[in-house]
């Protein structure tokens, strides 16, 4: 009987120890699985201080806040991950989850995206925003589904202006003999051909070097891109033409997006909607700021065209509409023109 007591005491001590560990001591292993955040890579080709760059950072802020940290958005600006030529393929394969290419970059998937390059299609920003909300634009966004891509939103940048390093561009005749950098697209080729100029497709990240080395004489871009890319250092003349648009389609990998839990996807959709409103504000604000910066720099000469001079350019480039009506569709062109009428 005396021999059993130590055994009972040891057993009681062991049970007490296990109970303490289970109730608040330091357990050897946890029964709960560690939940890792969902990583969303958002890659684009411009600097963080552009409208697109700022809106991307706003989306990151909102997405992480609305999901309580369940989603982490990693933003990669300035072609850090992929350049113009690679980002679409990267999004299709899922190597990156979100991209924001210029609408013109999508012409290989659907040639109707070239609407944005039609010269003088939109008279003002309000007309552009109306078109973004149209059924025609929704149809364009949905046309990416077969490529495992999904269009979520359109972010504006602004109207394009001509710059070059040879002479002021006041009339269409001033373009003759010059060569301009363009994004890919037959409409842009036809636009410069109508002006008597040549064109070369060059990636955005390579444009500065092409201008500096004289590979091309000029380019077309928004005030903000001209300013943030510092083209004023290597271009002497800027013509205020507002002839075309530069806007961005926000695209996600469809498999990734549709595979998200409903609550996560709703939070990200809401974040994208808020970031899109922010992008509109930033585009207008930074466009004006960059125009002022360029003027104040004194490095680039501004030429502001009169209504009559603009009219000559519009008449010269009219044939481009007839040439691409069958490609873009009359319905889409008419919808864009209608958006510009009060």
Protein backbone atom coordinates (compact mmCIF):
# COMPACT_ATOMS: atom_id res chain seq x y z
CA UNK A 1 0.00 0.00 0.00
CA UNK A 2 2.84 2.37 0.78
CA UNK A 3 4.49 1.67 -2.57
CA UNK A 4 1.46 2.87 -4.56
CA UNK A 5 1.43 6.41 -3.14
CA UNK A 6 4.50 7.75 -5.01
CA UNK A 7 3.06 6.40 -8.28
CA UNK A 8 -0.27 8.10 -7.63
CA UNK A 9 1.51 11.34 -6.72
CA UNK A 10 3.56 11.28 -9.94
CA UNK A 11 0.43 10.57 -12.01
CA UNK A 12 -1.44 13.42 -10.37
CA UNK A 13 1.46 15.79 -11.00
CA UNK A 14 1.58 14.77 -14.67
CA UNK A 15 -2.16 15.35 -15.13
CA UNK A 16 -1.93 18.74 -13.41
CA UNK A 17 0.99 19.75 -15.63
CA UNK A 18 -0.84 18.77 -18.82
CA UNK A 19 -3.93 20.64 -17.64
CA UNK A 20 -1.93 23.80 -17.00
CA UNK A 21 -0.32 23.59 -20.43
CA UNK A 22 -3.70 23.15 -22.09
CA UNK A 23 -5.26 26.00 -20.13
CA UNK A 24 -2.71 28.70 -20.55
CA UNK A 25 0.81 27.41 -20.45
CA UNK A 26 3.00 27.22 -23.56
CA UNK A 27 1.65 24.42 -25.75
CA UNK A 28 4.07 22.58 -27.95
CA UNK A 29 1.87 23.07 -31.02
CA UNK A 30 -1.15 25.20 -31.95
CA UNK A 31 -4.36 23.69 -33.29
CA UNK A 32 -5.13 26.76 -35.41
CA UNK A 33 -3.73 27.08 -38.94
CA UNK A 34 -1.84 30.26 -39.71
CA UNK A 35 -3.76 32.20 -42.41
CA UNK A 36 -1.41 33.75 -44.94
CA UNK A 37 -2.47 36.95 -46.73
CA UNK A 38 -3.32 36.85 -50.42
CA UNK A 39 -0.57 38.56 -52.41
CA UNK A 40 -1.76 40.66 -55.36
CA UNK A 41 0.96 41.91 -57.70
CA UNK A 42 0.01 45.12 -59.53
CA UNK A 43 2.51 46.01 -62.26
CA UNK A 44 2.59 49.09 -64.48
CA UNK A 45 5.11 51.00 -66.60
CA UNK A 46 4.92 54.61 -65.38
CA UNK A 47 6.34 56.40 -62.35
CA UNK A 48 4.53 56.54 -58.98
CA UNK A 49 3.91 60.30 -59.32
CA UNK A 50 1.66 59.90 -62.39
CA UNK A 51 -2.16 59.61 -62.25
CA UNK A 52 -1.90 55.86 -62.80
CA UNK A 53 0.87 55.52 -60.24
CA UNK A 54 -1.07 57.44 -57.61
CA UNK A 55 -4.30 55.53 -58.27
CA UNK A 56 -2.46 52.21 -57.99
CA UNK A 57 -1.18 53.21 -54.56
CA UNK A 58 -4.69 54.31 -53.56
CA UNK A 59 -6.05 50.91 -54.59
CA UNK A 60 -3.36 49.21 -52.47
CA UNK A 61 -4.32 51.33 -49.46
CA UNK A 62 -8.05 50.67 -49.86
CA UNK A 63 -7.72 46.95 -50.62
CA UNK A 64 -5.58 46.24 -47.57
CA UNK A 65 -7.87 48.32 -45.38
CA UNK A 66 -11.15 46.82 -46.60
CA UNK A 67 -9.88 43.23 -46.29
CA UNK A 68 -8.33 43.82 -42.86
CA UNK A 69 -4.95 42.76 -44.15
CA UNK A 70 -6.19 39.54 -45.75
CA UNK A 71 -4.94 40.94 -49.05
CA UNK A 72 -1.53 42.54 -49.56
CA UNK A 73 -1.12 44.53 -52.79
CA UNK A 74 2.44 44.81 -54.08
CA UNK A 75 2.73 47.68 -56.58
CA UNK A 76 5.58 47.54 -59.11
CA UNK A 77 5.87 50.83 -61.08
CA UNK A 78 8.24 51.92 -63.86
CA UNK A 79 8.41 48.53 -65.63
CA UNK A 80 10.11 46.98 -62.58
CA UNK A 81 8.47 43.62 -63.32
CA UNK A 82 7.31 43.82 -66.92
CA UNK A 83 7.45 46.26 -69.80
CA UNK A 84 4.84 47.10 -72.40
CA UNK A 85 5.49 43.98 -74.44
CA UNK A 86 5.46 41.46 -71.60
CA UNK A 87 2.78 42.58 -69.14
CA UNK A 88 -0.25 41.20 -71.01
CA UNK A 89 1.29 37.74 -71.28
CA UNK A 90 2.30 37.91 -67.61
CA UNK A 91 -1.28 38.73 -66.61
CA UNK A 92 -2.69 35.93 -68.75
CA UNK A 93 -0.36 33.36 -67.19
CA UNK A 94 -0.96 34.63 -63.64
CA UNK A 95 2.61 35.77 -63.01
CA UNK A 96 1.06 39.12 -62.09
CA UNK A 97 -2.55 39.64 -61.01
CA UNK A 98 -3.27 43.25 -62.09
CA UNK A 99 -1.90 45.40 -64.91
CA UNK A 100 -2.92 48.82 -66.22
CA UNK A 101 -1.86 49.05 -69.87
CA UNK A 102 -2.69 51.92 -72.16
CA UNK A 103 -5.92 51.10 -74.00
CA UNK A 104 -3.96 51.18 -77.26
CA UNK A 105 -1.83 48.24 -76.04
CA UNK A 106 -4.92 46.00 -76.29
CA UNK A 107 -5.31 46.26 -80.06
CA UNK A 108 -3.77 42.82 -80.54
CA UNK A 109 -6.62 41.32 -78.49
CA UNK A 110 -9.37 43.44 -80.01
CA UNK A 111 -8.70 46.02 -82.76
CA UNK A 112 -11.68 48.07 -81.58
CA UNK A 113 -9.54 49.38 -78.73
CA UNK A 114 -7.93 51.66 -81.31
CA UNK A 115 -10.88 54.02 -80.86
CA UNK A 116 -8.71 55.95 -78.40
CA UNK A 117 -6.27 56.83 -81.19
CA UNK A 118 -8.80 58.35 -83.57
CA UNK A 119 -7.72 62.00 -83.88
CA UNK A 120 -10.06 64.57 -82.37
CA UNK A 121 -12.72 62.00 -81.42
CA UNK A 122 -13.43 63.57 -78.00
CA UNK A 123 -13.83 67.34 -77.44
CA UNK A 124 -13.28 67.29 -73.65
CA UNK A 125 -12.85 65.13 -70.54
CA UNK A 126 -16.57 64.96 -69.85
CA UNK A 127 -17.17 63.27 -73.20
CA UNK A 128 -14.46 60.73 -72.39
CA UNK A 129 -15.99 59.88 -69.01
CA UNK A 130 -19.43 59.42 -70.58
CA UNK A 131 -17.97 57.00 -73.07
CA UNK A 132 -16.24 55.05 -70.28
CA UNK A 133 -19.69 54.41 -68.77
CA UNK A 134 -21.28 53.37 -72.09
CA UNK A 135 -22.45 49.91 -73.18
CA UNK A 136 -19.85 50.01 -75.96
CA UNK A 137 -17.02 50.30 -73.44
CA UNK A 138 -18.50 47.53 -71.30
CA UNK A 139 -18.57 45.35 -74.40
CA UNK A 140 -14.91 46.07 -75.05
CA UNK A 141 -13.98 45.18 -71.48
CA UNK A 142 -15.91 41.90 -71.67
CA UNK A 143 -14.20 40.99 -74.93
CA UNK A 144 -11.05 40.11 -72.96
CA UNK A 145 -12.66 37.11 -71.24
CA UNK A 146 -11.48 34.62 -73.85
CA UNK A 147 -7.88 35.56 -73.06
CA UNK A 148 -8.29 34.75 -69.35
CA UNK A 149 -8.37 38.49 -68.67
CA UNK A 150 -11.06 40.67 -67.16
CA UNK A 151 -11.42 44.42 -67.52
CA UNK A 152 -12.32 46.04 -64.22
CA UNK A 153 -12.16 49.77 -64.90
CA UNK A 154 -10.78 52.53 -67.10
CA UNK A 155 -8.48 55.13 -65.58
CA UNK A 156 -7.94 58.40 -67.45
CA UNK A 157 -4.67 60.15 -68.06
CA UNK A 158 -5.46 62.92 -70.50
CA UNK A 159 -5.22 64.34 -73.98
CA UNK A 160 -2.05 63.94 -76.01
CA UNK A 161 0.15 66.75 -77.32
CA UNK A 162 2.84 66.63 -80.00
CA UNK A 163 6.50 67.28 -79.16
CA UNK A 164 9.54 67.26 -81.40
CA UNK A 165 13.13 68.44 -81.58
CA UNK A 166 13.17 70.09 -85.02
CA UNK A 167 10.64 72.93 -85.35
CA UNK A 168 7.31 74.32 -84.11
CA UNK A 169 4.38 72.32 -85.50
CA UNK A 170 1.76 74.83 -86.57
CA UNK A 171 0.40 73.27 -89.77
CA UNK A 172 0.23 69.70 -91.12
CA UNK A 173 3.02 70.63 -93.55
CA UNK A 174 5.37 71.09 -90.58
CA UNK A 175 5.20 67.32 -89.92
CA UNK A 176 6.61 66.31 -93.27
CA UNK A 177 9.91 64.47 -93.04
CA UNK A 178 9.74 63.97 -89.26
CA UNK A 179 9.57 60.61 -87.49
CA UNK A 180 7.51 60.06 -84.33
CA UNK A 181 7.51 57.41 -81.64
CA UNK A 182 4.13 55.72 -81.26
CA UNK A 183 2.50 52.90 -79.38
CA UNK A 184 1.48 49.91 -81.48
CA UNK A 185 -1.56 50.43 -83.67
CA UNK A 186 -2.55 50.95 -87.28
CA UNK A 187 -4.61 54.06 -86.47
CA UNK A 188 -1.53 55.84 -85.15
CA UNK A 189 0.43 54.87 -88.24
CA UNK A 190 -2.38 56.23 -90.42
CA UNK A 191 -2.55 59.44 -88.36
CA UNK A 192 1.10 60.30 -88.96
CA UNK A 193 0.91 59.16 -92.57
CA UNK A 194 -1.96 61.63 -93.10
CA UNK A 195 0.34 64.33 -91.73
CA UNK A 196 3.20 63.29 -94.00
CA UNK A 197 5.32 62.01 -91.12
CA UNK A 198 6.86 58.65 -90.34
CA UNK A 199 6.32 56.61 -87.17
CA UNK A 200 8.05 53.86 -85.21
CA UNK A 201 6.61 51.64 -82.49
CA UNK A 202 8.83 51.96 -79.42
CA UNK A 203 8.17 50.77 -75.86
CA UNK A 204 7.36 53.50 -73.36
CA UNK A 205 10.40 52.74 -71.22
CA UNK A 206 12.69 53.07 -74.25
CA UNK A 207 11.24 56.34 -75.57
CA UNK A 208 13.58 58.73 -73.75
CA UNK A 209 16.66 57.00 -75.19
CA UNK A 210 15.11 56.92 -78.67
CA UNK A 211 14.48 60.69 -78.53
CA UNK A 212 17.90 61.41 -77.05
CA UNK A 213 19.71 59.34 -79.68
CA UNK A 214 17.71 60.77 -82.57
CA UNK A 215 16.10 57.46 -83.51
CA UNK A 216 12.89 59.49 -83.70
CA UNK A 217 12.37 63.26 -83.85
CA UNK A 218 9.29 63.48 -81.66
CA UNK A 219 6.48 61.78 -79.84
CA UNK A 220 2.89 62.33 -78.64
CA UNK A 221 1.90 62.15 -75.00
CA UNK A 222 0.02 63.73 -72.12
CA UNK A 223 1.46 66.69 -70.22
CA UNK A 224 2.03 64.47 -67.20
CA UNK A 225 3.97 61.80 -69.06
CA UNK A 226 6.05 64.44 -70.85
CA UNK A 227 6.81 66.07 -67.49
CA UNK A 228 7.50 62.95 -65.39
CA UNK A 229 9.58 61.32 -68.14
CA UNK A 230 11.53 64.59 -68.50
CA UNK A 231 11.12 64.80 -72.27
CA UNK A 232 11.53 68.57 -71.98
CA UNK A 233 15.25 67.90 -71.51
CA UNK A 234 15.53 66.45 -75.02
CA UNK A 235 12.58 68.01 -76.89
CA UNK A 236 12.44 71.68 -77.91
CA UNK A 237 8.87 72.17 -79.14
CA UNK A 238 5.41 71.28 -77.87
CA UNK A 239 2.18 71.81 -79.82
CA UNK A 240 -1.02 71.98 -77.76
CA UNK A 241 -3.29 69.86 -79.95
CA UNK A 242 -5.40 67.64 -77.65
CA UNK A 243 -5.69 65.38 -80.68
CA UNK A 244 -5.84 61.95 -79.03
CA UNK A 245 -6.31 60.23 -75.70
CA UNK A 246 -4.10 58.22 -73.38
CA UNK A 247 -6.16 56.19 -70.94
CA UNK A 248 -5.62 52.91 -69.12
CA UNK A 249 -7.58 49.69 -68.82
CA UNK A 250 -7.31 48.01 -65.44
CA UNK A 251 -7.06 44.29 -66.15
CA UNK A 252 -6.93 41.27 -63.84
CA UNK A 253 -6.17 37.60 -64.38
CA UNK A 254 -9.69 36.16 -64.71
CA UNK A 255 -8.98 32.80 -63.04
CA UNK A 256 -7.44 34.54 -60.05
CA UNK A 257 -10.24 37.08 -59.68
CA UNK A 258 -13.10 34.58 -60.05
CA UNK A 259 -11.37 32.23 -57.62
CA UNK A 260 -11.40 34.72 -54.76
CA UNK A 261 -13.85 34.27 -51.89
CA UNK A 262 -16.98 36.40 -52.47
CA UNK A 263 -16.30 38.71 -49.52
CA UNK A 264 -12.71 39.31 -50.63
CA UNK A 265 -13.73 39.96 -54.23
CA UNK A 266 -16.42 42.42 -53.15
CA UNK A 267 -13.91 44.30 -51.00
CA UNK A 268 -11.50 44.50 -53.94
CA UNK A 269 -14.24 45.55 -56.37
CA UNK A 270 -15.28 48.31 -53.97
CA UNK A 271 -11.64 49.36 -53.60
CA UNK A 272 -11.26 49.52 -57.39
CA UNK A 273 -14.40 51.65 -57.72
CA UNK A 274 -13.05 54.16 -55.17
CA UNK A 275 -9.59 54.13 -56.73
CA UNK A 276 -11.16 54.84 -60.12
CA UNK A 277 -12.89 57.96 -58.80
CA UNK A 278 -9.57 59.00 -57.29
CA UNK A 279 -7.83 58.40 -60.64
CA UNK A 280 -10.17 60.89 -62.36
CA UNK A 281 -9.35 63.56 -59.78
CA UNK A 282 -5.63 62.88 -60.01
CA UNK A 283 -5.58 62.86 -63.80
CA UNK A 284 -7.08 66.34 -64.05
CA UNK A 285 -5.03 67.71 -61.17
CA UNK A 286 -1.67 66.33 -62.34
CA UNK A 287 -2.33 67.18 -65.99
CA UNK A 288 -2.72 70.85 -65.09
CA UNK A 289 0.24 70.74 -62.70
CA UNK A 290 2.51 69.17 -65.32
CA UNK A 291 1.46 71.68 -67.98
CA UNK A 292 2.47 74.48 -65.59
CA UNK A 293 5.74 72.70 -64.79
CA UNK A 294 6.63 72.44 -68.47
CA UNK A 295 5.85 76.08 -69.12
CA UNK A 296 7.81 77.24 -66.09
CA UNK A 297 10.83 75.11 -66.99
CA UNK A 298 11.55 77.30 -70.01
CA UNK A 299 13.09 74.28 -71.71
CA UNK A 300 10.33 73.59 -74.20
CA UNK A 301 8.53 76.08 -76.44
CA UNK A 302 4.72 75.96 -76.40
CA UNK A 303 2.68 76.49 -79.58
CA UNK A 304 -1.04 76.96 -78.92
CA UNK A 305 -3.15 76.47 -82.03
CA UNK A 306 -6.07 78.72 -82.89
CA UNK A 307 -9.50 77.15 -83.63
CA UNK A 308 -8.87 77.75 -87.34
CA UNK A 309 -5.48 76.03 -87.20
CA UNK A 310 -6.97 73.08 -85.31
CA UNK A 311 -9.67 72.90 -87.97
CA UNK A 312 -7.02 72.37 -90.64
CA UNK A 313 -5.57 69.45 -88.67
CA UNK A 314 -9.02 67.94 -88.17
CA UNK A 315 -9.75 68.16 -91.89
CA UNK A 316 -6.37 66.67 -92.79
CA UNK A 317 -6.93 63.64 -90.56
CA UNK A 318 -10.56 62.98 -91.50
CA UNK A 319 -9.61 60.18 -93.92
CA UNK A 320 -8.43 58.13 -90.93
CA UNK A 321 -12.07 57.75 -89.83
CA UNK A 322 -13.19 56.35 -93.18
CA UNK A 323 -10.19 54.02 -93.27
CA UNK A 324 -10.98 52.41 -89.89
CA UNK A 325 -14.76 52.55 -89.66
CA UNK A 326 -15.07 48.88 -90.63
CA UNK A 327 -12.45 47.87 -88.03
CA UNK A 328 -13.77 49.90 -85.11
CA UNK A 329 -17.46 49.69 -86.16
CA UNK A 330 -19.70 52.61 -86.95
CA UNK A 331 -21.69 51.94 -83.76
CA UNK A 332 -18.66 52.43 -81.53
CA UNK A 333 -17.51 55.59 -83.34
CA UNK A 334 -21.04 57.01 -83.21
CA UNK A 335 -21.28 56.27 -79.47
CA UNK A 336 -18.03 58.13 -78.85
CA UNK A 337 -19.18 61.11 -80.92
CA UNK A 338 -22.55 61.09 -79.15
CA UNK A 339 -20.78 61.27 -75.77
CA UNK A 340 -19.30 64.60 -76.87
CA UNK A 341 -22.64 66.19 -77.68
CA UNK A 342 -24.69 68.03 -75.08
